[in-house]
């Protein structure tokens, strides 16, 4: 398992590593100089503009790196190594998904935080003296925890939907004509089923139906259950995808 994390991490850094390092260094310089009051107004505006561009650039390279991590499981020659190794497929999927989640969330959190910080500097707000500290024993910390869990669970769910559809195409649909279209229909069906599973939260909200579509309005008390449900959905897709990958994969 340690080796799976190692190779997934190396692949995940292939494209985004150097880009993130450059963005981090530039943002750090602007933040330090801005916090010390050494930047003129024009430089502050430039810093905020570059920070916004950095978010878009980082997002693009995160997506490219995620594609590289996924491709190595299904494309030759790397996929041959996974097909021949005695390691269970679930370990490969688990390592790949966890590594991509960590790298994506950390890199985007850093560049977005830097942009917000630069915006405070441009607005003349002293972020240190105006920073708010929430007690770890208060409700604010719990809401923050559940929102964080929901963010991570939602990301993992999206990744598992993608991996499930690719695996289905490579394992059980590749013999059929228009397997790509079938995989797309599988993705649509998977998303629809997942949306229907949200109905288990009916005690915590209100639902309205519009034909095949249902809208849901939830209160704050449903946040923990929503986060846990999303995590369970991702876990369910993980189990199904692992079972499919244990079957014959067409490379």
C-alpha atoms as a PDB file:
ATOM      1  CA  UNK A   1       0.000   0.000   0.000  1.00  0.00           C
ATOM      2  CA  UNK A   2       2.893   2.326   0.745  1.00  0.00           C
ATOM      3  CA  UNK A   3       4.206   1.848  -2.791  1.00  0.00           C
ATOM      4  CA  UNK A   4       0.780   2.656  -4.262  1.00  0.00           C
ATOM      5  CA  UNK A   5       0.697   5.973  -2.411  1.00  0.00           C
ATOM      6  CA  UNK A   6       4.261   6.711  -3.486  1.00  0.00           C
ATOM      7  CA  UNK A   7       3.625   6.202  -7.203  1.00  0.00           C
ATOM      8  CA  UNK A   8       0.285   8.009  -7.093  1.00  0.00           C
ATOM      9  CA  UNK A   9       1.915  10.977  -5.351  1.00  0.00           C
ATOM     10  CA  UNK A  10       4.759  11.129  -7.870  1.00  0.00           C
ATOM     11  CA  UNK A  11       2.313  11.009 -10.769  1.00  0.00           C
ATOM     12  CA  UNK A  12       0.075  13.638  -9.175  1.00  0.00           C
ATOM     13  CA  UNK A  13       3.005  16.045  -8.874  1.00  0.00           C
ATOM     14  CA  UNK A  14       4.134  15.536 -12.474  1.00  0.00           C
ATOM     15  CA  UNK A  15       2.368  18.631 -13.821  1.00  0.00           C
ATOM     16  CA  UNK A  16       1.177  20.581 -10.829  1.00  0.00           C
ATOM     17  CA  UNK A  17       4.281  20.460  -8.613  1.00  0.00           C
ATOM     18  CA  UNK A  18       6.416  23.099 -10.341  1.00  0.00           C
ATOM     19  CA  UNK A  19       3.401  25.280 -11.160  1.00  0.00           C
ATOM     20  CA  UNK A  20       2.267  25.271  -7.537  1.00  0.00           C
ATOM     21  CA  UNK A  21       5.781  26.070  -6.321  1.00  0.00           C
ATOM     22  CA  UNK A  22       6.009  29.111  -8.616  1.00  0.00           C
ATOM     23  CA  UNK A  23       2.532  30.362  -7.665  1.00  0.00           C
ATOM     24  CA  UNK A  24       3.224  29.837  -3.966  1.00  0.00           C
ATOM     25  CA  UNK A  25       6.520  31.751  -4.167  1.00  0.00           C
ATOM     26  CA  UNK A  26       5.003  34.718  -6.037  1.00  0.00           C
ATOM     27  CA  UNK A  27       1.991  34.928  -3.703  1.00  0.00           C
ATOM     28  CA  UNK A  28       4.263  34.676  -0.655  1.00  0.00           C
ATOM     29  CA  UNK A  29       6.412  37.576  -1.884  1.00  0.00           C
ATOM     30  CA  UNK A  30       3.376  39.781  -2.545  1.00  0.00           C
ATOM     31  CA  UNK A  31       1.808  38.902   0.816  1.00  0.00           C
ATOM     32  CA  UNK A  32       4.990  39.594   2.785  1.00  0.00           C
ATOM     33  CA  UNK A  33       5.684  42.898   1.022  1.00  0.00           C
ATOM     34  CA  UNK A  34       2.028  43.916   1.233  1.00  0.00           C
ATOM     35  CA  UNK A  35       1.789  43.095   4.934  1.00  0.00           C
ATOM     36  CA  UNK A  36       4.879  45.235   5.558  1.00  0.00           C
ATOM     37  CA  UNK A  37       3.341  48.125   3.629  1.00  0.00           C
ATOM     38  CA  UNK A  38       6.064  48.096   0.975  1.00  0.00           C
ATOM     39  CA  UNK A  39       3.771  47.793  -2.042  1.00  0.00           C
ATOM     40  CA  UNK A  40       2.261  50.814  -3.811  1.00  0.00           C
ATOM     41  CA  UNK A  41      -1.415  50.726  -4.719  1.00  0.00           C
ATOM     42  CA  UNK A  42      -0.746  49.727  -8.340  1.00  0.00           C
ATOM     43  CA  UNK A  43       1.360  46.783  -7.185  1.00  0.00           C
ATOM     44  CA  UNK A  44      -1.424  45.662  -4.851  1.00  0.00           C
ATOM     45  CA  UNK A  45      -3.936  45.717  -7.716  1.00  0.00           C
ATOM     46  CA  UNK A  46      -1.491  43.752  -9.855  1.00  0.00           C
ATOM     47  CA  UNK A  47      -1.020  41.209  -7.071  1.00  0.00           C
ATOM     48  CA  UNK A  48      -4.764  40.638  -6.731  1.00  0.00           C
ATOM     49  CA  UNK A  49      -5.131  40.279 -10.511  1.00  0.00           C
ATOM     50  CA  UNK A  50      -2.273  37.795 -10.698  1.00  0.00           C
ATOM     51  CA  UNK A  51      -3.760  35.906  -7.758  1.00  0.00           C
ATOM     52  CA  UNK A  52      -7.021  35.484  -9.649  1.00  0.00           C
ATOM     53  CA  UNK A  53      -5.166  34.220 -12.714  1.00  0.00           C
ATOM     54  CA  UNK A  54      -3.180  31.859 -10.477  1.00  0.00           C
ATOM     55  CA  UNK A  55      -6.409  30.222  -9.278  1.00  0.00           C
ATOM     56  CA  UNK A  56      -7.456  29.467 -12.863  1.00  0.00           C
ATOM     57  CA  UNK A  57      -3.976  28.212 -13.780  1.00  0.00           C
ATOM     58  CA  UNK A  58      -3.782  25.996 -10.717  1.00  0.00           C
ATOM     59  CA  UNK A  59      -7.227  24.566 -11.461  1.00  0.00           C
ATOM     60  CA  UNK A  60      -6.206  23.687 -15.015  1.00  0.00           C
ATOM     61  CA  UNK A  61      -3.008  21.949 -13.917  1.00  0.00           C
ATOM     62  CA  UNK A  62      -4.845  20.128 -11.132  1.00  0.00           C
ATOM     63  CA  UNK A  63      -7.245  18.708 -13.714  1.00  0.00           C
ATOM     64  CA  UNK A  64      -4.361  17.735 -16.016  1.00  0.00           C
ATOM     65  CA  UNK A  65      -2.581  16.017 -13.133  1.00  0.00           C
ATOM     66  CA  UNK A  66      -5.745  14.190 -12.075  1.00  0.00           C
ATOM     67  CA  UNK A  67      -6.170  12.903 -15.615  1.00  0.00           C
ATOM     68  CA  UNK A  68      -2.584  11.639 -15.516  1.00  0.00           C
ATOM     69  CA  UNK A  69      -3.268   9.763 -12.267  1.00  0.00           C
ATOM     70  CA  UNK A  70      -6.403   8.163 -13.718  1.00  0.00           C
ATOM     71  CA  UNK A  71      -4.794   7.328 -17.071  1.00  0.00           C
ATOM     72  CA  UNK A  72      -2.027   5.333 -15.456  1.00  0.00           C
ATOM     73  CA  UNK A  73      -4.610   2.837 -14.189  1.00  0.00           C
ATOM     74  CA  UNK A  74      -6.205   2.250 -17.584  1.00  0.00           C
ATOM     75  CA  UNK A  75      -3.582   3.083 -20.216  1.00  0.00           C
ATOM     76  CA  UNK A  76      -0.511   1.156 -21.271  1.00  0.00           C
ATOM     77  CA  UNK A  77       2.219   0.639 -20.283  1.00  0.00           C
ATOM     78  CA  UNK A  78       1.531   1.607 -16.656  1.00  0.00           C
ATOM     79  CA  UNK A  79      -1.749  -0.310 -16.592  1.00  0.00           C
ATOM     80  CA  UNK A  80       0.115  -3.533 -17.408  1.00  0.00           C
ATOM     81  CA  UNK A  81       2.041  -3.177 -14.175  1.00  0.00           C
ATOM     82  CA  UNK A  82      -1.162  -2.870 -12.169  1.00  0.00           C
ATOM     83  CA  UNK A  83      -2.714  -5.803 -14.021  1.00  0.00           C
ATOM     84  CA  UNK A  84       0.261  -8.029 -13.215  1.00  0.00           C
ATOM     85  CA  UNK A  85       0.817  -6.971  -9.611  1.00  0.00           C
ATOM     86  CA  UNK A  86      -0.759  -9.171  -6.910  1.00  0.00           C
ATOM     87  CA  UNK A  87      -1.945  -6.060  -5.073  1.00  0.00           C
ATOM     88  CA  UNK A  88      -5.767  -5.806  -4.881  1.00  0.00           C
ATOM     89  CA  UNK A  89      -7.318  -3.214  -7.173  1.00  0.00           C
ATOM     90  CA  UNK A  90      -8.990  -1.505  -4.210  1.00  0.00           C
ATOM     91  CA  UNK A  91      -5.566  -0.440  -2.933  1.00  0.00           C
ATOM     92  CA  UNK A  92      -4.745   1.145  -6.285  1.00  0.00           C
ATOM     93  CA  UNK A  93      -8.029   3.032  -6.384  1.00  0.00           C
ATOM     94  CA  UNK A  94      -7.795   4.084  -2.738  1.00  0.00           C
ATOM     95  CA  UNK A  95      -4.263   5.440  -3.109  1.00  0.00           C
ATOM     96  CA  UNK A  96      -5.078   7.277  -6.341  1.00  0.00           C
ATOM     97  CA  UNK A  97      -8.249   8.883  -5.019  1.00  0.00           C
ATOM     98  CA  UNK A  98      -6.784   9.934  -1.661  1.00  0.00           C
ATOM     99  CA  UNK A  99      -3.649  11.387  -3.257  1.00  0.00           C
ATOM    100  CA  UNK A 100      -5.563  13.369  -5.891  1.00  0.00           C
ATOM    101  CA  UNK A 101      -7.973  14.635  -3.228  1.00  0.00           C
ATOM    102  CA  UNK A 102      -5.135  15.818  -0.972  1.00  0.00           C
ATOM    103  CA  UNK A 103      -3.178  17.471  -3.779  1.00  0.00           C
ATOM    104  CA  UNK A 104      -6.221  19.159  -5.331  1.00  0.00           C
ATOM    105  CA  UNK A 105      -7.700  20.428  -2.068  1.00  0.00           C
ATOM    106  CA  UNK A 106      -4.380  21.624  -0.640  1.00  0.00           C
ATOM    107  CA  UNK A 107      -3.228  23.432  -3.793  1.00  0.00           C
ATOM    108  CA  UNK A 108      -6.578  25.127  -4.387  1.00  0.00           C
ATOM    109  CA  UNK A 109      -6.956  26.024  -0.702  1.00  0.00           C
ATOM    110  CA  UNK A 110      -3.527  27.687  -0.727  1.00  0.00           C
ATOM    111  CA  UNK A 111      -4.060  29.756  -3.886  1.00  0.00           C
ATOM    112  CA  UNK A 112      -7.585  30.798  -2.874  1.00  0.00           C
ATOM    113  CA  UNK A 113      -6.417  31.763   0.621  1.00  0.00           C
ATOM    114  CA  UNK A 114      -3.573  33.765  -0.906  1.00  0.00           C
ATOM    115  CA  UNK A 115      -6.014  35.611  -3.183  1.00  0.00           C
ATOM    116  CA  UNK A 116      -8.290  36.457  -0.246  1.00  0.00           C
ATOM    117  CA  UNK A 117      -5.283  37.648   1.754  1.00  0.00           C
ATOM    118  CA  UNK A 118      -4.089  39.843  -1.110  1.00  0.00           C
ATOM    119  CA  UNK A 119      -7.605  41.279  -1.420  1.00  0.00           C
ATOM    120  CA  UNK A 120      -7.547  42.206   2.279  1.00  0.00           C
ATOM    121  CA  UNK A 121      -4.210  43.914   1.761  1.00  0.00           C
ATOM    122  CA  UNK A 122      -5.620  45.846  -1.211  1.00  0.00           C
ATOM    123  CA  UNK A 123      -8.627  46.904   0.867  1.00  0.00           C
ATOM    124  CA  UNK A 124      -6.354  48.073   3.680  1.00  0.00           C
ATOM    125  CA  UNK A 125      -7.658  45.538   6.170  1.00  0.00           C
ATOM    126  CA  UNK A 126      -5.252  44.378   8.856  1.00  0.00           C
ATOM    127  CA  UNK A 127      -5.896  40.671   8.668  1.00  0.00           C
ATOM    128  CA  UNK A 128      -4.051  39.966  11.905  1.00  0.00           C
ATOM    129  CA  UNK A 129      -5.911  42.397  14.123  1.00  0.00           C
ATOM    130  CA  UNK A 130      -9.260  41.634  12.469  1.00  0.00           C
ATOM    131  CA  UNK A 131      -8.902  37.862  12.375  1.00  0.00           C
ATOM    132  CA  UNK A 132     -11.642  36.003  14.212  1.00  0.00           C
ATOM    133  CA  UNK A 133     -10.889  32.980  16.363  1.00  0.00           C
ATOM    134  CA  UNK A 134     -13.651  30.428  16.887  1.00  0.00           C
ATOM    135  CA  UNK A 135     -13.566  28.323  20.006  1.00  0.00           C
ATOM    136  CA  UNK A 136     -13.056  24.639  19.310  1.00  0.00           C
ATOM    137  CA  UNK A 137     -15.830  23.974  21.797  1.00  0.00           C
ATOM    138  CA  UNK A 138     -18.362  26.188  20.074  1.00  0.00           C
ATOM    139  CA  UNK A 139     -20.926  25.379  17.363  1.00  0.00           C
ATOM    140  CA  UNK A 140     -18.851  27.246  14.783  1.00  0.00           C
ATOM    141  CA  UNK A 141     -16.141  24.615  14.929  1.00  0.00           C
ATOM    142  CA  UNK A 142     -18.656  21.794  14.447  1.00  0.00           C
ATOM    143  CA  UNK A 143     -20.230  23.499  11.438  1.00  0.00           C
ATOM    144  CA  UNK A 144     -16.780  24.049  10.010  1.00  0.00           C
ATOM    145  CA  UNK A 145     -15.949  20.387  10.516  1.00  0.00           C
ATOM    146  CA  UNK A 146     -19.125  19.171   8.814  1.00  0.00           C
ATOM    147  CA  UNK A 147     -18.727  21.622   5.929  1.00  0.00           C
ATOM    148  CA  UNK A 148     -15.157  20.425   5.507  1.00  0.00           C
ATOM    149  CA  UNK A 149     -16.271  16.803   5.569  1.00  0.00           C
ATOM    150  CA  UNK A 150     -18.971  17.588   3.011  1.00  0.00           C
ATOM    151  CA  UNK A 151     -16.401  19.240   0.744  1.00  0.00           C
ATOM    152  CA  UNK A 152     -14.054  16.260   0.934  1.00  0.00           C
ATOM    153  CA  UNK A 153     -16.908  13.745   0.585  1.00  0.00           C
ATOM    154  CA  UNK A 154     -18.309  15.579  -2.432  1.00  0.00           C
ATOM    155  CA  UNK A 155     -14.903  15.613  -4.082  1.00  0.00           C
ATOM    156  CA  UNK A 156     -14.409  11.896  -3.407  1.00  0.00           C
ATOM    157  CA  UNK A 157     -17.872  11.175  -4.789  1.00  0.00           C
ATOM    158  CA  UNK A 158     -17.092  13.008  -8.041  1.00  0.00           C
ATOM    159  CA  UNK A 159     -13.809  11.125  -8.389  1.00  0.00           C
ATOM    160  CA  UNK A 160     -15.515   7.777  -7.762  1.00  0.00           C
ATOM    161  CA  UNK A 161     -18.241   8.514 -10.326  1.00  0.00           C
ATOM    162  CA  UNK A 162     -15.525   9.178 -12.927  1.00  0.00           C
ATOM    163  CA  UNK A 163     -13.556   6.061 -12.009  1.00  0.00           C
ATOM    164  CA  UNK A 164     -16.705   3.922 -11.900  1.00  0.00           C
ATOM    165  CA  UNK A 165     -17.768   4.977 -15.402  1.00  0.00           C
ATOM    166  CA  UNK A 166     -14.287   4.465 -16.867  1.00  0.00           C
ATOM    167  CA  UNK A 167     -14.014   1.073 -15.206  1.00  0.00           C
ATOM    168  CA  UNK A 168     -17.454   0.061 -16.441  1.00  0.00           C
ATOM    169  CA  UNK A 169     -16.489   1.033 -19.981  1.00  0.00           C
ATOM    170  CA  UNK A 170     -13.217  -0.912 -19.790  1.00  0.00           C
ATOM    171  CA  UNK A 171     -14.630  -4.008 -18.096  1.00  0.00           C
ATOM    172  CA  UNK A 172     -18.218  -4.718 -19.119  1.00  0.00           C
ATOM    173  CA  UNK A 173     -19.087  -2.283 -21.925  1.00  0.00           C
ATOM    174  CA  UNK A 174     -16.063  -2.478 -24.207  1.00  0.00           C
ATOM    175  CA  UNK A 175     -17.574  -5.367 -26.222  1.00  0.00           C
ATOM    176  CA  UNK A 176     -20.654  -3.339 -27.109  1.00  0.00           C
ATOM    177  CA  UNK A 177     -20.850  -0.879 -30.014  1.00  0.00           C
ATOM    178  CA  UNK A 178     -20.701   2.788 -28.985  1.00  0.00           C
ATOM    179  CA  UNK A 179     -19.214   1.912 -25.602  1.00  0.00           C
ATOM    180  CA  UNK A 180     -18.382   5.577 -25.029  1.00  0.00           C
ATOM    181  CA  UNK A 181     -22.056   6.531 -25.381  1.00  0.00           C
ATOM    182  CA  UNK A 182     -23.056   3.697 -23.081  1.00  0.00           C
ATOM    183  CA  UNK A 183     -20.520   4.871 -20.505  1.00  0.00           C
ATOM    184  CA  UNK A 184     -22.017   8.371 -20.719  1.00  0.00           C
ATOM    185  CA  UNK A 185     -25.485   6.944 -20.132  1.00  0.00           C
ATOM    186  CA  UNK A 186     -24.127   4.968 -17.189  1.00  0.00           C
ATOM    187  CA  UNK A 187     -22.722   8.205 -15.766  1.00  0.00           C
ATOM    188  CA  UNK A 188     -26.084   9.947 -16.147  1.00  0.00           C
ATOM    189  CA  UNK A 189     -27.867   7.020 -14.524  1.00  0.00           C
ATOM    190  CA  UNK A 190     -25.325   6.924 -11.698  1.00  0.00           C
ATOM    191  CA  UNK A 191     -25.799  10.620 -10.977  1.00  0.00           C
ATOM    192  CA  UNK A 192     -29.581  10.241 -11.045  1.00  0.00           C
ATOM    193  CA  UNK A 193     -29.520   7.285  -8.637  1.00  0.00           C
ATOM    194  CA  UNK A 194     -27.225   9.184  -6.289  1.00  0.00           C
ATOM    195  CA  UNK A 195     -29.597  12.143  -6.369  1.00  0.00           C
ATOM    196  CA  UNK A 196     -32.513   9.865  -5.509  1.00  0.00           C
ATOM    197  CA  UNK A 197     -30.622   8.572  -2.496  1.00  0.00           C
ATOM    198  CA  UNK A 198     -30.821  12.070  -1.059  1.00  0.00           C
ATOM    199  CA  UNK A 199     -34.496  11.344  -0.385  1.00  0.00           C
ATOM    200  CA  UNK A 200     -33.463   9.537   2.799  1.00  0.00           C
ATOM    201  CA  UNK A 201     -32.924  13.027   4.232  1.00  0.00           C
ATOM    202  CA  UNK A 202     -36.639  13.861   3.933  1.00  0.00           C
ATOM    203  CA  UNK A 203     -37.093  14.239   7.731  1.00  0.00           C
ATOM    204  CA  UNK A 204     -34.696  17.222   7.662  1.00  0.00           C
ATOM    205  CA  UNK A 205     -36.023  19.234   4.728  1.00  0.00           C
ATOM    206  CA  UNK A 206     -38.677  19.968   2.142  1.00  0.00           C
ATOM    207  CA  UNK A 207     -38.990  18.355  -1.295  1.00  0.00           C
ATOM    208  CA  UNK A 208     -40.688  19.492  -4.492  1.00  0.00           C
ATOM    209  CA  UNK A 209     -41.126  17.298  -7.560  1.00  0.00           C
ATOM    210  CA  UNK A 210     -40.999  18.509 -11.159  1.00  0.00           C
ATOM    211  CA  UNK A 211     -41.518  15.480 -13.386  1.00  0.00           C
ATOM    212  CA  UNK A 212     -38.436  13.287 -13.081  1.00  0.00           C
ATOM    213  CA  UNK A 213     -36.626  15.940 -11.081  1.00  0.00           C
ATOM    214  CA  UNK A 214     -36.866  16.672  -7.383  1.00  0.00           C
ATOM    215  CA  UNK A 215     -35.628  19.756  -5.594  1.00  0.00           C
ATOM    216  CA  UNK A 216     -34.567  19.561  -1.972  1.00  0.00           C
ATOM    217  CA  UNK A 217     -34.230  22.257   0.650  1.00  0.00           C
ATOM    218  CA  UNK A 218     -32.364  21.265   3.786  1.00  0.00           C
ATOM    219  CA  UNK A 219     -31.840  23.041   7.085  1.00  0.00           C
ATOM    220  CA  UNK A 220     -28.579  23.349   8.961  1.00  0.00           C
ATOM    221  CA  UNK A 221     -29.493  20.407  11.162  1.00  0.00           C
ATOM    222  CA  UNK A 222     -29.230  18.133   8.097  1.00  0.00           C
ATOM    223  CA  UNK A 223     -25.607  19.066   7.383  1.00  0.00           C
ATOM    224  CA  UNK A 224     -23.973  16.180   9.345  1.00  0.00           C
ATOM    225  CA  UNK A 225     -26.316  13.611   7.789  1.00  0.00           C
ATOM    226  CA  UNK A 226     -25.805  15.049   4.302  1.00  0.00           C
ATOM    227  CA  UNK A 227     -22.033  14.884   4.689  1.00  0.00           C
ATOM    228  CA  UNK A 228     -22.144  11.306   5.981  1.00  0.00           C
ATOM    229  CA  UNK A 229     -24.555  10.236   3.236  1.00  0.00           C
ATOM    230  CA  UNK A 230     -22.243  11.687   0.582  1.00  0.00           C
ATOM    231  CA  UNK A 231     -19.315   9.838   2.131  1.00  0.00           C
ATOM    232  CA  UNK A 232     -21.287   6.577   2.157  1.00  0.00           C
ATOM    233  CA  UNK A 233     -22.215   7.075  -1.513  1.00  0.00           C
ATOM    234  CA  UNK A 234     -18.550   7.525  -2.391  1.00  0.00           C
ATOM    235  CA  UNK A 235     -17.690   4.414  -0.365  1.00  0.00           C
ATOM    236  CA  UNK A 236     -20.377   2.406  -2.156  1.00  0.00           C
ATOM    237  CA  UNK A 237     -19.028   3.392  -5.562  1.00  0.00           C
ATOM    238  CA  UNK A 238     -15.540   2.553  -4.337  1.00  0.00           C
ATOM    239  CA  UNK A 239     -16.599  -1.003  -3.500  1.00  0.00           C
ATOM    240  CA  UNK A 240     -18.410  -1.472  -6.832  1.00  0.00           C
ATOM    241  CA  UNK A 241     -15.516  -0.024  -8.838  1.00  0.00           C
ATOM    242  CA  UNK A 242     -13.036  -2.234  -7.020  1.00  0.00           C
ATOM    243  CA  UNK A 243     -15.095  -5.314  -7.869  1.00  0.00           C
ATOM    244  CA  UNK A 244     -15.280  -4.286 -11.534  1.00  0.00           C
ATOM    245  CA  UNK A 245     -11.533  -3.699 -11.699  1.00  0.00           C
ATOM    246  CA  UNK A 246     -10.950  -7.213 -10.403  1.00  0.00           C
ATOM    247  CA  UNK A 247     -12.620  -8.437 -13.589  1.00  0.00           C
ATOM    248  CA  UNK A 248     -10.988  -8.462 -16.985  1.00  0.00           C
ATOM    249  CA  UNK A 249      -9.986  -4.928 -18.038  1.00  0.00           C
ATOM    250  CA  UNK A 250      -9.609  -4.139 -21.727  1.00  0.00           C
ATOM    251  CA  UNK A 251      -6.423  -2.074 -22.110  1.00  0.00           C
END
